[in-house]
Amino acid sequence: MDQNTGKYLAWAGAMLLIVGLVIYFLGPKLPPFGRLPGDIRVERGNFRFYAPIMTMIIVSLVLTLLINVIKRFF
């Protein structure tokens, strides 16, 4: 491991902390992630299946843009 690995881990931890605080304090006011059109939910008796396809696509796009912006400045 080198110094860059430590820097990336520190950034990842800081981002997780920020996201966690935003969800904790603004949870009810956030958009309905997990209930978007395109998310698959099946509930039958004792069986539940949930596949948040559209939510994961949006999260992936946002994280990709965020990472690219960070890489340009650092």
N, C-alpha and C. Protein backbone atom coordinates (compact mmCIF):
# COMPACT_ATOMS: atom_id res chain seq x y z
N MET A 1 0.83 -1.18 0.00
CA MET A 1 0.00 0.00 0.00
C MET A 1 0.88 1.24 0.00
N ASP A 2 0.38 2.26 -0.67
CA ASP A 2 1.14 3.49 -0.72
C ASP A 2 0.32 4.63 -0.11
N GLN A 3 0.83 5.83 -0.21
CA GLN A 3 0.20 6.99 0.40
C GLN A 3 -1.14 7.33 -0.27
N ASN A 4 -1.24 7.08 -1.55
CA ASN A 4 -2.49 7.36 -2.26
C ASN A 4 -3.65 6.52 -1.74
N THR A 5 -3.38 5.28 -1.37
CA THR A 5 -4.41 4.41 -0.83
C THR A 5 -5.00 5.01 0.44
N GLY A 6 -4.14 5.49 1.31
CA GLY A 6 -4.60 6.12 2.54
C GLY A 6 -5.43 7.36 2.26
N LYS A 7 -5.03 8.14 1.28
CA LYS A 7 -5.78 9.34 0.92
C LYS A 7 -7.17 8.98 0.40
N TYR A 8 -7.24 7.96 -0.45
CA TYR A 8 -8.53 7.54 -0.99
C TYR A 8 -9.44 6.99 0.11
N LEU A 9 -8.87 6.23 1.03
CA LEU A 9 -9.67 5.70 2.13
C LEU A 9 -10.19 6.83 3.03
N ALA A 10 -9.37 7.83 3.27
CA ALA A 10 -9.80 8.97 4.08
C ALA A 10 -10.93 9.72 3.39
N TRP A 11 -10.81 9.94 2.09
CA TRP A 11 -11.87 10.61 1.34
C TRP A 11 -13.16 9.79 1.34
N ALA A 12 -13.03 8.49 1.17
CA ALA A 12 -14.21 7.63 1.17
C ALA A 12 -14.90 7.68 2.54
N GLY A 13 -14.13 7.65 3.61
CA GLY A 13 -14.70 7.75 4.95
C GLY A 13 -15.38 9.07 5.19
N ALA A 14 -14.77 10.16 4.73
CA ALA A 14 -15.37 11.48 4.89
C ALA A 14 -16.68 11.58 4.10
N MET A 15 -16.69 11.03 2.91
CA MET A 15 -17.91 11.07 2.10
C MET A 15 -19.02 10.24 2.74
N LEU A 16 -18.69 9.07 3.28
CA LEU A 16 -19.68 8.25 3.96
C LEU A 16 -20.24 8.97 5.19
N LEU A 17 -19.39 9.67 5.91
CA LEU A 17 -19.84 10.43 7.07
C LEU A 17 -20.81 11.53 6.65
N ILE A 18 -20.47 12.26 5.60
CA ILE A 18 -21.34 13.34 5.12
C ILE A 18 -22.68 12.78 4.64
N VAL A 19 -22.64 11.72 3.86
CA VAL A 19 -23.88 11.12 3.38
C VAL A 19 -24.72 10.61 4.54
N GLY A 20 -24.10 9.99 5.52
CA GLY A 20 -24.81 9.50 6.69
C GLY A 20 -25.47 10.62 7.47
N LEU A 21 -24.77 11.74 7.64
CA LEU A 21 -25.36 12.87 8.36
C LEU A 21 -26.52 13.49 7.58
N VAL A 22 -26.37 13.59 6.27
CA VAL A 22 -27.46 14.13 5.45
C VAL A 22 -28.70 13.24 5.55
N ILE A 23 -28.51 11.94 5.47
CA ILE A 23 -29.65 11.02 5.57
C ILE A 23 -30.27 11.07 6.95
N TYR A 24 -29.45 11.17 7.99
CA TYR A 24 -29.94 11.20 9.36
C TYR A 24 -30.79 12.44 9.62
N PHE A 25 -30.29 13.61 9.20
CA PHE A 25 -30.98 14.85 9.51
C PHE A 25 -32.06 15.22 8.49
N LEU A 26 -31.90 14.84 7.25
CA LEU A 26 -32.85 15.24 6.21
C LEU A 26 -33.62 14.06 5.62
N GLY A 27 -33.61 12.93 6.29
CA GLY A 27 -34.23 11.71 5.77
C GLY A 27 -35.63 11.87 5.23
N PRO A 28 -36.58 12.41 6.02
CA PRO A 28 -37.96 12.53 5.51
C PRO A 28 -38.10 13.54 4.37
N LYS A 29 -37.17 14.46 4.23
CA LYS A 29 -37.27 15.49 3.20
C LYS A 29 -36.58 15.10 1.89
N LEU A 30 -35.90 13.98 1.87
CA LEU A 30 -35.18 13.54 0.67
C LEU A 30 -36.15 12.95 -0.34
N PRO A 31 -35.75 12.92 -1.62
CA PRO A 31 -36.60 12.30 -2.64
C PRO A 31 -36.86 10.83 -2.32
N PRO A 32 -37.89 10.26 -2.90
CA PRO A 32 -38.29 8.89 -2.55
C PRO A 32 -37.40 7.81 -3.17
N PHE A 33 -36.10 7.84 -2.88
CA PHE A 33 -35.23 6.80 -3.39
C PHE A 33 -35.68 5.46 -2.85
N GLY A 34 -35.69 4.46 -3.71
CA GLY A 34 -36.17 3.14 -3.32
C GLY A 34 -37.61 2.94 -3.71
N ARG A 35 -38.29 4.00 -4.11
CA ARG A 35 -39.68 3.90 -4.55
C ARG A 35 -39.85 4.59 -5.89
N LEU A 36 -38.83 4.58 -6.70
CA LEU A 36 -38.88 5.23 -8.00
C LEU A 36 -39.48 4.29 -9.04
N PRO A 37 -40.05 4.85 -10.13
CA PRO A 37 -40.49 3.98 -11.22
C PRO A 37 -39.27 3.24 -11.78
N GLY A 38 -39.39 1.97 -11.94
CA GLY A 38 -38.27 1.15 -12.41
C GLY A 38 -37.69 0.29 -11.31
N ASP A 39 -38.03 0.59 -10.05
CA ASP A 39 -37.63 -0.27 -8.94
C ASP A 39 -38.63 -1.42 -8.86
N ILE A 40 -38.12 -2.63 -8.70
CA ILE A 40 -38.97 -3.82 -8.71
C ILE A 40 -39.21 -4.25 -7.27
N ARG A 41 -40.49 -4.42 -6.93
CA ARG A 41 -40.86 -4.87 -5.59
C ARG A 41 -41.94 -5.93 -5.72
N VAL A 42 -41.70 -7.10 -5.14
CA VAL A 42 -42.66 -8.20 -5.16
C VAL A 42 -42.86 -8.65 -3.73
N GLU A 43 -44.11 -8.64 -3.26
CA GLU A 43 -44.43 -9.11 -1.92
C GLU A 43 -45.58 -10.11 -2.02
N ARG A 44 -45.31 -11.33 -1.60
CA ARG A 44 -46.32 -12.39 -1.63
C ARG A 44 -46.17 -13.24 -0.38
N GLY A 45 -47.12 -13.18 0.49
CA GLY A 45 -47.08 -13.99 1.70
C GLY A 45 -45.83 -13.71 2.52
N ASN A 46 -45.02 -14.75 2.73
CA ASN A 46 -43.77 -14.61 3.49
C ASN A 46 -42.59 -14.26 2.61
N PHE A 47 -42.82 -14.01 1.34
CA PHE A 47 -41.74 -13.76 0.38
C PHE A 47 -41.72 -12.29 -0.01
N ARG A 48 -40.53 -11.69 0.07
CA ARG A 48 -40.35 -10.31 -0.38
C ARG A 48 -39.11 -10.23 -1.25
N PHE A 49 -39.26 -9.59 -2.40
CA PHE A 49 -38.13 -9.39 -3.30
C PHE A 49 -38.12 -7.93 -3.69
N TYR A 50 -36.95 -7.32 -3.59
CA TYR A 50 -36.82 -5.90 -3.91
C TYR A 50 -35.54 -5.70 -4.71
N ALA A 51 -35.66 -5.10 -5.89
CA ALA A 51 -34.51 -4.80 -6.75
C ALA A 51 -34.59 -3.33 -7.15
N PRO A 52 -33.82 -2.46 -6.49
CA PRO A 52 -33.89 -1.01 -6.76
C PRO A 52 -33.08 -0.63 -8.00
N ILE A 53 -33.52 -1.05 -9.16
CA ILE A 53 -32.76 -0.85 -10.39
C ILE A 53 -32.59 0.62 -10.73
N MET A 54 -33.68 1.38 -10.79
CA MET A 54 -33.60 2.79 -11.17
C MET A 54 -32.85 3.60 -10.11
N THR A 55 -33.07 3.28 -8.86
CA THR A 55 -32.35 3.98 -7.78
C THR A 55 -30.85 3.77 -7.92
N MET A 56 -30.43 2.56 -8.21
CA MET A 56 -29.00 2.27 -8.34
C MET A 56 -28.40 2.93 -9.57
N ILE A 57 -29.17 3.06 -10.64
CA ILE A 57 -28.67 3.76 -11.83
C ILE A 57 -28.42 5.23 -11.50
N ILE A 58 -29.36 5.86 -10.80
CA ILE A 58 -29.21 7.27 -10.42
C ILE A 58 -28.04 7.45 -9.48
N VAL A 59 -27.92 6.59 -8.46
CA VAL A 59 -26.80 6.67 -7.51
C VAL A 59 -25.48 6.48 -8.25
N SER A 60 -25.43 5.55 -9.18
CA SER A 60 -24.21 5.32 -9.94
C SER A 60 -23.81 6.54 -10.76
N LEU A 61 -24.78 7.16 -11.42
CA LEU A 61 -24.48 8.36 -12.22
C LEU A 61 -23.98 9.51 -11.34
N VAL A 62 -24.64 9.72 -10.21
CA VAL A 62 -24.22 10.81 -9.31
C VAL A 62 -22.82 10.55 -8.77
N LEU A 63 -22.55 9.32 -8.34
CA LEU A 63 -21.21 9.00 -7.82
C LEU A 63 -20.15 9.11 -8.90
N THR A 64 -20.46 8.70 -10.12
CA THR A 64 -19.50 8.82 -11.22
C THR A 64 -19.16 10.28 -11.49
N LEU A 65 -20.18 11.13 -11.55
CA LEU A 65 -19.94 12.55 -11.75
C LEU A 65 -19.13 13.15 -10.60
N LEU A 66 -19.47 12.79 -9.38
CA LEU A 66 -18.76 13.31 -8.21
C LEU A 66 -17.30 12.88 -8.20
N ILE A 67 -17.04 11.64 -8.50
CA ILE A 67 -15.67 11.14 -8.52
C ILE A 67 -14.87 11.82 -9.63
N ASN A 68 -15.47 12.01 -10.79
CA ASN A 68 -14.76 12.69 -11.88
C ASN A 68 -14.45 14.14 -11.54
N VAL A 69 -15.35 14.82 -10.87
CA VAL A 69 -15.08 16.20 -10.46
C VAL A 69 -13.95 16.24 -9.44
N ILE A 70 -13.97 15.33 -8.49
CA ILE A 70 -12.90 15.28 -7.47
C ILE A 70 -11.55 14.97 -8.11
N LYS A 71 -11.54 14.02 -9.06
CA LYS A 71 -10.26 13.66 -9.71
C LYS A 71 -9.67 14.82 -10.50
N ARG A 72 -10.51 15.68 -11.06
CA ARG A 72 -10.01 16.82 -11.83
C ARG A 72 -9.31 17.84 -10.95
N PHE A 73 -9.75 17.97 -9.71
CA PHE A 73 -9.19 18.98 -8.82
C PHE A 73 -8.07 18.44 -7.93
N PHE A 74 -7.91 17.13 -7.83
CA PHE A 74 -6.88 16.58 -6.94
C PHE A 74 -5.95 15.70 -7.70
